[in-house]
Amino acid sequence: MEAKYFFEMGNYEKAYRLASEAYNLNPYNRMAFTIKTQSKISIKWQHFINDANTYFKKIEKIADKKTITKKDKLRVKIMLEILNEEYKTLTPSILLPKNLKQKAKEKYIKAKKLYEQLFS
């Protein structure tokens, strides 16, 4: 139950850890298995969102420069390509929190539009 609480609160790593402990104690605990699995998936989605935030900050720094070099353009292109590909590899799940999916989708759309504007 504690793992479910942390999952619902968005602390997926702690939920994963607690659900893993509960599952190890009782491998027939279906709730622990489900929370463990969903937490693992949610962690990947959260990492994507964190990566996107980091990359967008770096892109903004590059955009604020007076002159943008070829090297900077290539960095931006690679960061956006990574985000676009990373989003495609995320495992879909009905049990994922809607806000997590929505945030990830917004980051993906932003990266995709920016890539199309700059490199198409």
C-alpha atoms as a PDB file:
ATOM      1  CA  MET A   1       0.000   0.000   0.000  1.00  0.00           C
ATOM      2  CA  GLU A   2       2.878   2.324   0.767  1.00  0.00           C
ATOM      3  CA  ALA A   3       4.331   1.734  -2.712  1.00  0.00           C
ATOM      4  CA  LYS A   4       0.965   2.587  -4.245  1.00  0.00           C
ATOM      5  CA  TYR A   5       0.865   5.811  -2.251  1.00  0.00           C
ATOM      6  CA  PHE A   6       4.287   6.891  -3.535  1.00  0.00           C
ATOM      7  CA  PHE A   7       3.335   5.910  -7.082  1.00  0.00           C
ATOM      8  CA  GLU A   8       0.218   8.070  -6.871  1.00  0.00           C
ATOM      9  CA  MET A   9       2.297  10.938  -5.448  1.00  0.00           C
ATOM     10  CA  GLY A  10       4.704  10.742  -8.384  1.00  0.00           C
ATOM     11  CA  ASN A  11       7.686   9.375  -6.480  1.00  0.00           C
ATOM     12  CA  TYR A  12       8.216   6.484  -8.895  1.00  0.00           C
ATOM     13  CA  GLU A  13      11.670   5.490  -7.723  1.00  0.00           C
ATOM     14  CA  LYS A  14      10.564   5.040  -4.121  1.00  0.00           C
ATOM     15  CA  ALA A  15       7.421   3.248  -5.276  1.00  0.00           C
ATOM     16  CA  TYR A  16       9.569   0.910  -7.380  1.00  0.00           C
ATOM     17  CA  ARG A  17      11.886   0.199  -4.464  1.00  0.00           C
ATOM     18  CA  LEU A  18       9.034  -0.523  -2.036  1.00  0.00           C
ATOM     19  CA  ALA A  19       7.065  -2.602  -4.541  1.00  0.00           C
ATOM     20  CA  SER A  20      10.202  -4.625  -5.315  1.00  0.00           C
ATOM     21  CA  GLU A  21      10.681  -5.365  -1.629  1.00  0.00           C
ATOM     22  CA  ALA A  22       7.055  -6.424  -1.260  1.00  0.00           C
ATOM     23  CA  TYR A  23       7.251  -8.560  -4.387  1.00  0.00           C
ATOM     24  CA  ASN A  24      10.450 -10.234  -3.182  1.00  0.00           C
ATOM     25  CA  LEU A  25       8.718 -11.120   0.090  1.00  0.00           C
ATOM     26  CA  ASN A  26       5.688 -12.524  -1.704  1.00  0.00           C
ATOM     27  CA  PRO A  27       5.979 -13.254  -5.444  1.00  0.00           C
ATOM     28  CA  TYR A  28       2.201 -13.804  -5.598  1.00  0.00           C
ATOM     29  CA  ASN A  29       1.520 -10.201  -4.570  1.00  0.00           C
ATOM     30  CA  ARG A  30      -0.122  -8.928  -7.760  1.00  0.00           C
ATOM     31  CA  MET A  31      -0.431  -5.352  -6.548  1.00  0.00           C
ATOM     32  CA  ALA A  32       3.290  -5.193  -5.769  1.00  0.00           C
ATOM     33  CA  PHE A  33       4.104  -6.648  -9.188  1.00  0.00           C
ATOM     34  CA  THR A  34       1.845  -4.146 -10.966  1.00  0.00           C
ATOM     35  CA  ILE A  35       3.207  -1.158  -9.061  1.00  0.00           C
ATOM     36  CA  LYS A  36       6.766  -2.360  -9.607  1.00  0.00           C
ATOM     37  CA  THR A  37       6.189  -2.700 -13.343  1.00  0.00           C
ATOM     38  CA  GLN A  38       4.326   0.580 -13.716  1.00  0.00           C
ATOM     39  CA  SER A  39       6.875   2.437 -11.601  1.00  0.00           C
ATOM     40  CA  LYS A  40       9.668   1.176 -13.817  1.00  0.00           C
ATOM     41  CA  ILE A  41       7.823   2.417 -16.905  1.00  0.00           C
ATOM     42  CA  SER A  42       6.993   5.732 -15.211  1.00  0.00           C
ATOM     43  CA  ILE A  43      10.644   6.263 -14.294  1.00  0.00           C
ATOM     44  CA  LYS A  44      11.548   6.055 -17.979  1.00  0.00           C
ATOM     45  CA  TRP A  45       8.860   8.584 -18.860  1.00  0.00           C
ATOM     46  CA  GLN A  46      10.080  10.882 -16.079  1.00  0.00           C
ATOM     47  CA  HIS A  47      13.672  10.569 -17.333  1.00  0.00           C
ATOM     48  CA  PHE A  48      12.491  11.614 -20.789  1.00  0.00           C
ATOM     49  CA  ILE A  49      10.835  14.716 -19.339  1.00  0.00           C
ATOM     50  CA  ASN A  50      13.962  15.561 -17.325  1.00  0.00           C
ATOM     51  CA  ASP A  51      16.175  15.058 -20.391  1.00  0.00           C
ATOM     52  CA  ALA A  52      13.885  17.283 -22.442  1.00  0.00           C
ATOM     53  CA  ASN A  53      14.034  20.048 -19.829  1.00  0.00           C
ATOM     54  CA  THR A  54      17.831  19.832 -19.740  1.00  0.00           C
ATOM     55  CA  TYR A  55      18.153  19.879 -23.523  1.00  0.00           C
ATOM     56  CA  PHE A  56      15.742  22.790 -23.924  1.00  0.00           C
ATOM     57  CA  LYS A  57      17.772  24.829 -21.419  1.00  0.00           C
ATOM     58  CA  LYS A  58      20.945  24.078 -23.384  1.00  0.00           C
ATOM     59  CA  ILE A  59      19.210  25.001 -26.647  1.00  0.00           C
ATOM     60  CA  GLU A  60      18.036  28.293 -25.135  1.00  0.00           C
ATOM     61  CA  LYS A  61      21.623  29.095 -24.079  1.00  0.00           C
ATOM     62  CA  ILE A  62      22.797  28.435 -27.610  1.00  0.00           C
ATOM     63  CA  ALA A  63      19.973  30.543 -29.066  1.00  0.00           C
ATOM     64  CA  ASP A  64      20.913  33.457 -26.782  1.00  0.00           C
ATOM     65  CA  LYS A  65      24.408  33.662 -28.263  1.00  0.00           C
ATOM     66  CA  LYS A  66      25.143  36.504 -30.664  1.00  0.00           C
ATOM     67  CA  THR A  67      26.604  34.134 -33.230  1.00  0.00           C
ATOM     68  CA  ILE A  68      25.658  30.510 -33.630  1.00  0.00           C
ATOM     69  CA  THR A  69      28.382  28.289 -35.010  1.00  0.00           C
ATOM     70  CA  LYS A  70      28.006  25.149 -37.113  1.00  0.00           C
ATOM     71  CA  LYS A  71      29.053  23.196 -34.043  1.00  0.00           C
ATOM     72  CA  ASP A  72      26.185  24.754 -32.046  1.00  0.00           C
ATOM     73  CA  LYS A  73      23.691  23.957 -34.806  1.00  0.00           C
ATOM     74  CA  LEU A  74      24.862  20.376 -34.848  1.00  0.00           C
ATOM     75  CA  ARG A  75      24.498  20.122 -31.061  1.00  0.00           C
ATOM     76  CA  VAL A  76      20.935  21.418 -31.255  1.00  0.00           C
ATOM     77  CA  LYS A  77      20.125  18.998 -34.065  1.00  0.00           C
ATOM     78  CA  ILE A  78      21.506  16.030 -32.133  1.00  0.00           C
ATOM     79  CA  MET A  79      19.668  16.972 -28.923  1.00  0.00           C
ATOM     80  CA  LEU A  80      16.367  17.268 -30.785  1.00  0.00           C
ATOM     81  CA  GLU A  81      16.928  13.991 -32.621  1.00  0.00           C
ATOM     82  CA  ILE A  82      17.656  12.257 -29.323  1.00  0.00           C
ATOM     83  CA  LEU A  83      14.418  13.564 -27.823  1.00  0.00           C
ATOM     84  CA  ASN A  84      12.377  12.539 -30.844  1.00  0.00           C
ATOM     85  CA  GLU A  85      13.806   9.028 -30.852  1.00  0.00           C
ATOM     86  CA  GLU A  86      13.671   8.620 -27.077  1.00  0.00           C
ATOM     87  CA  TYR A  87       9.967   9.461 -27.020  1.00  0.00           C
ATOM     88  CA  LYS A  88       9.253   6.790 -29.621  1.00  0.00           C
ATOM     89  CA  THR A  89      10.883   4.136 -27.417  1.00  0.00           C
ATOM     90  CA  LEU A  90       8.768   4.900 -24.337  1.00  0.00           C
ATOM     91  CA  THR A  91       6.506   2.026 -23.350  1.00  0.00           C
ATOM     92  CA  PRO A  92       2.830   2.997 -23.491  1.00  0.00           C
ATOM     93  CA  SER A  93       0.657   1.949 -20.589  1.00  0.00           C
ATOM     94  CA  ILE A  94      -2.943   2.543 -19.606  1.00  0.00           C
ATOM     95  CA  LEU A  95      -1.984   2.748 -15.929  1.00  0.00           C
ATOM     96  CA  LEU A  96       0.491   5.612 -16.353  1.00  0.00           C
ATOM     97  CA  PRO A  97      -0.584   8.879 -14.752  1.00  0.00           C
ATOM     98  CA  LYS A  98      -2.218  11.110 -17.360  1.00  0.00           C
ATOM     99  CA  ASN A  99      -0.170  14.152 -16.345  1.00  0.00           C
ATOM    100  CA  LEU A 100       3.053  12.219 -16.945  1.00  0.00           C
ATOM    101  CA  LYS A 101       1.955  11.191 -20.428  1.00  0.00           C
ATOM    102  CA  GLN A 102       0.740  14.721 -21.170  1.00  0.00           C
ATOM    103  CA  LYS A 103       4.005  16.371 -20.098  1.00  0.00           C
ATOM    104  CA  ALA A 104       6.042  13.914 -22.148  1.00  0.00           C
ATOM    105  CA  LYS A 105       3.838  14.442 -25.188  1.00  0.00           C
ATOM    106  CA  GLU A 106       4.163  18.231 -24.874  1.00  0.00           C
ATOM    107  CA  LYS A 107       7.965  17.939 -24.731  1.00  0.00           C
ATOM    108  CA  TYR A 108       7.963  15.642 -27.749  1.00  0.00           C
ATOM    109  CA  ILE A 109       5.738  17.969 -29.794  1.00  0.00           C
ATOM    110  CA  LYS A 110       7.905  20.943 -28.865  1.00  0.00           C
ATOM    111  CA  ALA A 111      11.073  19.088 -29.908  1.00  0.00           C
ATOM    112  CA  LYS A 112       9.491  17.862 -33.123  1.00  0.00           C
ATOM    113  CA  LYS A 113       8.244  21.326 -34.130  1.00  0.00           C
ATOM    114  CA  LEU A 114      11.565  22.932 -33.312  1.00  0.00           C
ATOM    115  CA  TYR A 115      13.410  20.303 -35.338  1.00  0.00           C
ATOM    116  CA  GLU A 116      11.101  20.822 -38.315  1.00  0.00           C
ATOM    117  CA  GLN A 117      11.474  24.615 -38.129  1.00  0.00           C
ATOM    118  CA  LEU A 118      15.241  24.532 -37.924  1.00  0.00           C
ATOM    119  CA  PHE A 119      16.268  21.569 -40.042  1.00  0.00           C
ATOM    120  CA  SER A 120      13.580  20.877 -42.659  1.00  0.00           C
END
